[in-house]
Amino acid sequence: IERAFQQEINNSNEQVRKNAGNIANESMMTKLNSVKRISCEKNSKGDYNCKIDADIKFPFVGQRKSVADFEFIKTEDGWKIVK
């Protein structure tokens, strides 16, 4: 779960770097502070629906803690979050 979240954040930060070019800095990047699985249930497709407690620092918005539901799918590259 943590790796899937970190990969999503890394992808987002890479887009910021591409779009902002030389002006990109750490204050423009998203940072995963913590992620905790509250519960997970396997669905009929063999993927998982999970309730996650996440603490993430977003650019311009700041630190946010929230509990939300996410679907995770297994790919060749590991687990991914379905958007």
PDB file of N, CA and C in Angstrom:
ATOM      1  N   ILE A   1       0.839  -1.189   0.000  1.00  0.00           N
ATOM      2  CA  ILE A   1       0.000   0.000   0.000  1.00  0.00           C
ATOM      3  C   ILE A   1       0.881   1.250   0.000  1.00  0.00           C
ATOM      4  N   GLU A   2       1.899   1.241   0.864  1.00  0.00           N
ATOM      5  CA  GLU A   2       2.783   2.407   0.919  1.00  0.00           C
ATOM      6  C   GLU A   2       3.512   2.600  -0.409  1.00  0.00           C
ATOM      7  N   ARG A   3       3.994   1.494  -0.997  1.00  0.00           N
ATOM      8  CA  ARG A   3       4.694   1.601  -2.293  1.00  0.00           C
ATOM      9  C   ARG A   3       3.771   2.130  -3.383  1.00  0.00           C
ATOM     10  N   ALA A   4       2.523   1.680  -3.388  1.00  0.00           N
ATOM     11  CA  ALA A   4       1.563   2.151  -4.391  1.00  0.00           C
ATOM     12  C   ALA A   4       1.313   3.650  -4.231  1.00  0.00           C
ATOM     13  N   PHE A   5       1.149   4.108  -3.003  1.00  0.00           N
ATOM     14  CA  PHE A   5       0.964   5.540  -2.754  1.00  0.00           C
ATOM     15  C   PHE A   5       2.209   6.319  -3.163  1.00  0.00           C
ATOM     16  N   GLN A   6       3.385   5.819  -2.780  1.00  0.00           N
ATOM     17  CA  GLN A   6       4.618   6.531  -3.099  1.00  0.00           C
ATOM     18  C   GLN A   6       4.826   6.612  -4.606  1.00  0.00           C
ATOM     19  N   GLN A   7       4.476   5.559  -5.333  1.00  0.00           N
ATOM     20  CA  GLN A   7       4.616   5.583  -6.790  1.00  0.00           C
ATOM     21  C   GLN A   7       3.700   6.637  -7.408  1.00  0.00           C
ATOM     22  N   GLU A   8       2.470   6.735  -6.920  1.00  0.00           N
ATOM     23  CA  GLU A   8       1.542   7.764  -7.406  1.00  0.00           C
ATOM     24  C   GLU A   8       2.109   9.163  -7.152  1.00  0.00           C
ATOM     25  N   ILE A   9       2.658   9.360  -5.965  1.00  0.00           N
ATOM     26  CA  ILE A   9       3.240  10.657  -5.619  1.00  0.00           C
ATOM     27  C   ILE A   9       4.472  10.930  -6.472  1.00  0.00           C
ATOM     28  N   ASN A  10       5.312   9.932  -6.671  1.00  0.00           N
ATOM     29  CA  ASN A  10       6.491  10.110  -7.531  1.00  0.00           C
ATOM     30  C   ASN A  10       6.080  10.497  -8.947  1.00  0.00           C
ATOM     31  N   ASN A  11       5.046   9.851  -9.479  1.00  0.00           N
ATOM     32  CA  ASN A  11       4.561  10.193 -10.815  1.00  0.00           C
ATOM     33  C   ASN A  11       4.052  11.627 -10.874  1.00  0.00           C
ATOM     34  N   SER A  12       3.325  12.034  -9.852  1.00  0.00           N
ATOM     35  CA  SER A  12       2.811  13.401  -9.779  1.00  0.00           C
ATOM     36  C   SER A  12       3.953  14.410  -9.700  1.00  0.00           C
ATOM     37  N   ASN A  13       4.935  14.124  -8.852  1.00  0.00           N
ATOM     38  CA  ASN A  13       6.074  15.034  -8.707  1.00  0.00           C
ATOM     39  C   ASN A  13       6.887  15.125  -9.997  1.00  0.00           C
ATOM     40  N   GLU A  14       6.990  14.024 -10.728  1.00  0.00           N
ATOM     41  CA  GLU A  14       7.709  14.034 -12.001  1.00  0.00           C
ATOM     42  C   GLU A  14       7.004  14.943 -13.008  1.00  0.00           C
ATOM     43  N   GLN A  15       5.690  14.927 -13.009  1.00  0.00           N
ATOM     44  CA  GLN A  15       4.938  15.819 -13.893  1.00  0.00           C
ATOM     45  C   GLN A  15       5.175  17.279 -13.520  1.00  0.00           C
ATOM     46  N   VAL A  16       5.233  17.570 -12.224  1.00  0.00           N
ATOM     47  CA  VAL A  16       5.528  18.934 -11.778  1.00  0.00           C
ATOM     48  C   VAL A  16       6.909  19.352 -12.272  1.00  0.00           C
ATOM     49  N   ARG A  17       7.900  18.472 -12.129  1.00  0.00           N
ATOM     50  CA  ARG A  17       9.254  18.794 -12.586  1.00  0.00           C
ATOM     51  C   ARG A  17       9.286  19.061 -14.087  1.00  0.00           C
ATOM     52  N   LYS A  18       8.559  18.243 -14.859  1.00  0.00           N
ATOM     53  CA  LYS A  18       8.519  18.434 -16.317  1.00  0.00           C
ATOM     54  C   LYS A  18       7.871  19.761 -16.678  1.00  0.00           C
ATOM     55  N   ASN A  19       6.753  20.066 -16.020  1.00  0.00           N
ATOM     56  CA  ASN A  19       6.003  21.276 -16.352  1.00  0.00           C
ATOM     57  C   ASN A  19       6.651  22.553 -15.823  1.00  0.00           C
ATOM     58  N   ALA A  20       7.270  22.484 -14.661  1.00  0.00           N
ATOM     59  CA  ALA A  20       7.843  23.682 -14.045  1.00  0.00           C
ATOM     60  C   ALA A  20       9.286  23.923 -14.464  1.00  0.00           C
ATOM     61  N   GLY A  21       9.952  22.882 -14.951  1.00  0.00           N
ATOM     62  CA  GLY A  21      11.333  23.040 -15.414  1.00  0.00           C
ATOM     63  C   GLY A  21      12.259  23.521 -14.321  1.00  0.00           C
ATOM     64  N   ASN A  22      13.029  24.550 -14.622  1.00  0.00           N
ATOM     65  CA  ASN A  22      14.058  25.050 -13.703  1.00  0.00           C
ATOM     66  C   ASN A  22      13.506  25.665 -12.434  1.00  0.00           C
ATOM     67  N   ILE A  23      12.241  26.044 -12.432  1.00  0.00           N
ATOM     68  CA  ILE A  23      11.705  26.684 -11.222  1.00  0.00           C
ATOM     69  C   ILE A  23      11.138  25.675 -10.217  1.00  0.00           C
ATOM     70  N   ALA A  24      11.120  24.396 -10.592  1.00  0.00           N
ATOM     71  CA  ALA A  24      10.609  23.356  -9.677  1.00  0.00           C
ATOM     72  C   ALA A  24      11.481  23.288  -8.430  1.00  0.00           C
ATOM     73  N   ASN A  25      10.835  23.257  -7.260  1.00  0.00           N
ATOM     74  CA  ASN A  25      11.566  23.115  -5.998  1.00  0.00           C
ATOM     75  C   ASN A  25      10.755  22.249  -5.038  1.00  0.00           C
ATOM     76  N   GLU A  26      11.329  21.962  -3.895  1.00  0.00           N
ATOM     77  CA  GLU A  26      10.694  21.051  -2.930  1.00  0.00           C
ATOM     78  C   GLU A  26       9.329  21.533  -2.457  1.00  0.00           C
ATOM     79  N   SER A  27       9.109  22.837  -2.399  1.00  0.00           N
ATOM     80  CA  SER A  27       7.812  23.336  -1.939  1.00  0.00           C
ATOM     81  C   SER A  27       6.698  23.017  -2.937  1.00  0.00           C
ATOM     82  N   MET A  28       7.063  22.644  -4.157  1.00  0.00           N
ATOM     83  CA  MET A  28       6.087  22.308  -5.191  1.00  0.00           C
ATOM     84  C   MET A  28       5.800  20.803  -5.253  1.00  0.00           C
ATOM     85  N   MET A  29       6.468  20.038  -4.408  1.00  0.00           N
ATOM     86  CA  MET A  29       6.350  18.584  -4.456  1.00  0.00           C
ATOM     87  C   MET A  29       5.416  18.059  -3.371  1.00  0.00           C
ATOM     88  N   THR A  30       4.731  16.970  -3.687  1.00  0.00           N
ATOM     89  CA  THR A  30       3.882  16.276  -2.736  1.00  0.00           C
ATOM     90  C   THR A  30       4.757  15.309  -1.948  1.00  0.00           C
ATOM     91  N   LYS A  31       4.474  15.161  -0.650  1.00  0.00           N
ATOM     92  CA  LYS A  31       5.267  14.266   0.198  1.00  0.00           C
ATOM     93  C   LYS A  31       4.342  13.368   1.004  1.00  0.00           C
ATOM     94  N   LEU A  32       4.618  12.061   0.956  1.00  0.00           N
ATOM     95  CA  LEU A  32       3.868  11.096   1.756  1.00  0.00           C
ATOM     96  C   LEU A  32       4.486  11.026   3.141  1.00  0.00           C
ATOM     97  N   ASN A  33       3.735  11.442   4.154  1.00  0.00           N
ATOM     98  CA  ASN A  33       4.230  11.376   5.529  1.00  0.00           C
ATOM     99  C   ASN A  33       3.969   9.996   6.126  1.00  0.00           C
ATOM    100  N   SER A  34       2.748   9.495   5.944  1.00  0.00           N
ATOM    101  CA  SER A  34       2.426   8.157   6.440  1.00  0.00           C
ATOM    102  C   SER A  34       1.170   7.648   5.755  1.00  0.00           C
ATOM    103  N   VAL A  35       1.057   6.335   5.709  1.00  0.00           N
ATOM    104  CA  VAL A  35      -0.142   5.692   5.182  1.00  0.00           C
ATOM    105  C   VAL A  35      -0.365   4.428   6.000  1.00  0.00           C
ATOM    106  N   LYS A  36      -1.618   4.195   6.389  1.00  0.00           N
ATOM    107  CA  LYS A  36      -1.932   3.045   7.238  1.00  0.00           C
ATOM    108  C   LYS A  36      -3.208   2.375   6.724  1.00  0.00           C
ATOM    109  N   ARG A  37      -3.135   1.074   6.574  1.00  0.00           N
ATOM    110  CA  ARG A  37      -4.307   0.298   6.159  1.00  0.00           C
ATOM    111  C   ARG A  37      -5.219   0.121   7.363  1.00  0.00           C
ATOM    112  N   ILE A  38      -6.465   0.513   7.196  1.00  0.00           N
ATOM    113  CA  ILE A  38      -7.458   0.295   8.238  1.00  0.00           C
ATOM    114  C   ILE A  38      -8.139  -1.052   8.003  1.00  0.00           C
ATOM    115  N   SER A  39      -8.528  -1.296   6.739  1.00  0.00           N
ATOM    116  CA  SER A  39      -9.152  -2.575   6.387  1.00  0.00           C
ATOM    117  C   SER A  39      -9.041  -2.789   4.887  1.00  0.00           C
ATOM    118  N   CYS A  40      -9.084  -4.051   4.470  1.00  0.00           N
ATOM    119  CA  CYS A  40      -9.070  -4.407   3.049  1.00  0.00           C
ATOM    120  C   CYS A  40      -9.976  -5.609   2.830  1.00  0.00           C
ATOM    121  N   GLU A  41     -10.650  -5.600   1.693  1.00  0.00           N
ATOM    122  CA  GLU A  41     -11.474  -6.731   1.294  1.00  0.00           C
ATOM    123  C   GLU A  41     -11.171  -7.062  -0.150  1.00  0.00           C
ATOM    124  N   LYS A  42     -11.003  -8.345  -0.435  1.00  0.00           N
ATOM    125  CA  LYS A  42     -10.768  -8.788  -1.803  1.00  0.00           C
ATOM    126  C   LYS A  42     -12.081  -8.690  -2.569  1.00  0.00           C
ATOM    127  N   ASN A  43     -12.029  -8.121  -3.784  1.00  0.00           N
ATOM    128  CA  ASN A  43     -13.250  -8.027  -4.581  1.00  0.00           C
ATOM    129  C   ASN A  43     -13.333  -9.178  -5.571  1.00  0.00           C
ATOM    130  N   SER A  44     -14.389  -9.223  -6.366  1.00  0.00           N
ATOM    131  CA  SER A  44     -14.635 -10.346  -7.272  1.00  0.00           C
ATOM    132  C   SER A  44     -13.592 -10.456  -8.383  1.00  0.00           C
ATOM    133  N   LYS A  45     -12.876  -9.383  -8.680  1.00  0.00           N
ATOM    134  CA  LYS A  45     -11.844  -9.411  -9.730  1.00  0.00           C
ATOM    135  C   LYS A  45     -10.490  -9.866  -9.181  1.00  0.00           C
ATOM    136  N   GLY A  46     -10.401 -10.071  -7.870  1.00  0.00           N
ATOM    137  CA  GLY A  46      -9.138 -10.473  -7.262  1.00  0.00           C
ATOM    138  C   GLY A  46      -8.298  -9.299  -6.807  1.00  0.00           C
ATOM    139  N   ASP A  47      -8.832  -8.098  -6.955  1.00  0.00           N
ATOM    140  CA  ASP A  47      -8.159  -6.895  -6.478  1.00  0.00           C
ATOM    141  C   ASP A  47      -8.666  -6.594  -5.069  1.00  0.00           C
ATOM    142  N   TYR A  48      -8.205  -5.493  -4.491  1.00  0.00           N
ATOM    143  CA  TYR A  48      -8.583  -5.173  -3.118  1.00  0.00           C
ATOM    144  C   TYR A  48      -9.182  -3.781  -3.004  1.00  0.00           C
ATOM    145  N   ASN A  49     -10.232  -3.680  -2.218  1.00  0.00           N
ATOM    146  CA  ASN A  49     -10.814  -2.407  -1.824  1.00  0.00           C
ATOM    147  C   ASN A  49     -10.392  -2.178  -0.379  1.00  0.00           C
ATOM    148  N   CYS A  50      -9.708  -1.060  -0.152  1.00  0.00           N
ATOM    149  CA  CYS A  50      -9.142  -0.806   1.173  1.00  0.00           C
ATOM    150  C   CYS A  50      -9.533   0.562   1.698  1.00  0.00           C
ATOM    151  N   LYS A  51      -9.744   0.625   2.996  1.00  0.00           N
ATOM    152  CA  LYS A  51      -9.921   1.898   3.700  1.00  0.00           C
ATOM    153  C   LYS A  51      -8.537   2.273   4.226  1.00  0.00           C
ATOM    154  N   ILE A  52      -8.061   3.471   3.857  1.00  0.00           N
ATOM    155  CA  ILE A  52      -6.701   3.908   4.139  1.00  0.00           C
ATOM    156  C   ILE A  52      -6.711   5.211   4.921  1.00  0.00           C
ATOM    157  N   ASP A  53      -5.846   5.281   5.918  1.00  0.00           N
ATOM    158  CA  ASP A  53      -5.597   6.511   6.676  1.00  0.00           C
ATOM    159  C   ASP A  53      -4.289   7.083   6.147  1.00  0.00           C
ATOM    160  N   ALA A  54      -4.363   8.235   5.474  1.00  0.00           N
ATOM    161  CA  ALA A  54      -3.175   8.815   4.838  1.00  0.00           C
ATOM    162  C   ALA A  54      -2.877  10.204   5.385  1.00  0.00           C
ATOM    163  N   ASP A  55      -1.597  10.497   5.499  1.00  0.00           N
ATOM    164  CA  ASP A  55      -1.091  11.807   5.909  1.00  0.00           C
ATOM    165  C   ASP A  55      -0.140  12.262   4.800  1.00  0.00           C
ATOM    166  N   ILE A  56      -0.581  13.272   4.029  1.00  0.00           N
ATOM    167  CA  ILE A  56       0.165  13.711   2.851  1.00  0.00           C
ATOM    168  C   ILE A  56       0.309  15.228   2.886  1.00  0.00           C
ATOM    169  N   LYS A  57       1.513  15.701   2.518  1.00  0.00           N
ATOM    170  CA  LYS A  57       1.747  17.147   2.393  1.00  0.00           C
ATOM    171  C   LYS A  57       1.646  17.507   0.919  1.00  0.00           C
ATOM    172  N   PHE A  58       0.693  18.387   0.619  1.00  0.00           N
ATOM    173  CA  PHE A  58       0.456  18.827  -0.752  1.00  0.00           C
ATOM    174  C   PHE A  58       1.032  20.228  -0.960  1.00  0.00           C
ATOM    175  N   PRO A  59       1.524  20.509  -2.167  1.00  0.00           N
ATOM    176  CA  PRO A  59       2.016  21.860  -2.425  1.00  0.00           C
ATOM    177  C   PRO A  59       0.870  22.867  -2.346  1.00  0.00           C
ATOM    178  N   PHE A  60       1.165  24.013  -1.794  1.00  0.00           N
ATOM    179  CA  PHE A  60       0.239  25.144  -1.682  1.00  0.00           C
ATOM    180  C   PHE A  60      -0.910  24.905  -0.715  1.00  0.00           C
ATOM    181  N   VAL A  61      -1.256  23.656  -0.424  1.00  0.00           N
ATOM    182  CA  VAL A  61      -2.377  23.335   0.464  1.00  0.00           C
ATOM    183  C   VAL A  61      -1.879  22.993   1.855  1.00  0.00           C
ATOM    184  N   GLY A  62      -0.757  22.287   1.921  1.00  0.00           N
ATOM    185  CA  GLY A  62      -0.189  21.887   3.191  1.00  0.00           C
ATOM    186  C   GLY A  62      -0.523  20.450   3.547  1.00  0.00           C
ATOM    187  N   GLN A  63      -0.311  20.115   4.795  1.00  0.00           N
ATOM    188  CA  GLN A  63      -0.485  18.750   5.278  1.00  0.00           C
ATOM    189  C   GLN A  63      -1.963  18.429   5.453  1.00  0.00           C
ATOM    190  N   ARG A  64      -2.352  17.257   4.959  1.00  0.00           N
ATOM    191  CA  ARG A  64      -3.728  16.795   5.079  1.00  0.00           C
ATOM    192  C   ARG A  64      -3.731  15.354   5.563  1.00  0.00           C
ATOM    193  N   LYS A  65      -4.578  15.089   6.533  1.00  0.00           N
ATOM    194  CA  LYS A  65      -4.797  13.732   7.021  1.00  0.00           C
ATOM    195  C   LYS A  65      -6.229  13.366   6.680  1.00  0.00           C
ATOM    196  N   SER A  66      -6.415  12.176   6.109  1.00  0.00           N
ATOM    197  CA  SER A  66      -7.773  11.761   5.773  1.00  0.00           C
ATOM    198  C   SER A  66      -7.871  10.247   5.716  1.00  0.00           C
ATOM    199  N   VAL A  67      -9.094   9.775   5.850  1.00  0.00           N
ATOM    200  CA  VAL A  67      -9.410   8.361   5.703  1.00  0.00           C
ATOM    201  C   VAL A  67     -10.287   8.258   4.460  1.00  0.00           C
ATOM    202  N   ALA A  68      -9.885   7.390   3.532  1.00  0.00           N
ATOM    203  CA  ALA A  68     -10.639   7.248   2.285  1.00  0.00           C
ATOM    204  C   ALA A  68     -10.535   5.815   1.773  1.00  0.00           C
ATOM    205  N   ASP A  69     -11.434   5.478   0.859  1.00  0.00           N
ATOM    206  CA  ASP A  69     -11.451   4.152   0.239  1.00  0.00           C
ATOM    207  C   ASP A  69     -10.684   4.200  -1.081  1.00  0.00           C
ATOM    208  N   PHE A  70      -9.880   3.178  -1.326  1.00  0.00           N
ATOM    209  CA  PHE A  70      -9.100   3.058  -2.553  1.00  0.00           C
ATOM    210  C   PHE A  70      -9.202   1.630  -3.055  1.00  0.00           C
ATOM    211  N   GLU A  71      -9.107   1.484  -4.383  1.00  0.00           N
ATOM    212  CA  GLU A  71      -9.026   0.150  -4.982  1.00  0.00           C
ATOM    213  C   GLU A  71      -7.593  -0.065  -5.443  1.00  0.00           C
ATOM    214  N   PHE A  72      -7.047  -1.229  -5.141  1.00  0.00           N
ATOM    215  CA  PHE A  72      -5.686  -1.595  -5.529  1.00  0.00           C
ATOM    216  C   PHE A  72      -5.753  -2.773  -6.490  1.00  0.00           C
ATOM    217  N   ILE A  73      -5.011  -2.664  -7.601  1.00  0.00           N
ATOM    218  CA  ILE A  73      -4.959  -3.743  -8.576  1.00  0.00           C
ATOM    219  C   ILE A  73      -3.524  -4.238  -8.703  1.00  0.00           C
ATOM    220  N   LYS A  74      -3.371  -5.509  -8.994  1.00  0.00           N
ATOM    221  CA  LYS A  74      -2.052  -6.120  -9.172  1.00  0.00           C
ATOM    222  C   LYS A  74      -1.669  -6.001 -10.648  1.00  0.00           C
ATOM    223  N   THR A  75      -0.469  -5.455 -10.921  1.00  0.00           N
ATOM    224  CA  THR A  75       0.051  -5.335 -12.281  1.00  0.00           C
ATOM    225  C   THR A  75       1.408  -6.017 -12.341  1.00  0.00           C
ATOM    226  N   GLU A  76       2.004  -6.044 -13.512  1.00  0.00           N
ATOM    227  CA  GLU A  76       3.347  -6.609 -13.666  1.00  0.00           C
ATOM    228  C   GLU A  76       4.371  -5.846 -12.827  1.00  0.00           C
ATOM    229  N   ASP A  77       4.112  -4.556 -12.609  1.00  0.00           N
ATOM    230  CA  ASP A  77       5.022  -3.696 -11.851  1.00  0.00           C
ATOM    231  C   ASP A  77       4.703  -3.634 -10.370  1.00  0.00           C
ATOM    232  N   GLY A  78       3.724  -4.409  -9.919  1.00  0.00           N
ATOM    233  CA  GLY A  78       3.332  -4.385  -8.511  1.00  0.00           C
ATOM    234  C   GLY A  78       1.923  -3.834  -8.355  1.00  0.00           C
ATOM    235  N   TRP A  79       1.560  -3.500  -7.136  1.00  0.00           N
ATOM    236  CA  TRP A  79       0.217  -2.994  -6.841  1.00  0.00           C
ATOM    237  C   TRP A  79       0.118  -1.537  -7.235  1.00  0.00           C
ATOM    238  N   LYS A  80      -1.037  -1.177  -7.809  1.00  0.00           N
ATOM    239  CA  LYS A  80      -1.331   0.191  -8.252  1.00  0.00           C
ATOM    240  C   LYS A  80      -2.650   0.634  -7.659  1.00  0.00           C
ATOM    241  N   ILE A  81      -2.779   1.933  -7.462  1.00  0.00           N
ATOM    242  CA  ILE A  81      -4.039   2.524  -7.015  1.00  0.00           C
ATOM    243  C   ILE A  81      -4.875   2.831  -8.261  1.00  0.00           C
ATOM    244  N   VAL A  82      -6.136   2.401  -8.241  1.00  0.00           N
ATOM    245  CA  VAL A  82      -7.054   2.712  -9.332  1.00  0.00           C
ATOM    246  C   VAL A  82      -7.658   4.079  -9.046  1.00  0.00           C
ATOM    247  N   LYS A  83      -7.639   4.921 -10.040  1.00  0.00           N
ATOM    248  CA  LYS A  83      -8.166   6.286  -9.843  1.00  0.00           C
ATOM    249  C   LYS A  83      -9.617   6.378 -10.228  1.00  0.00           C
TER     250      LYS A  83
END
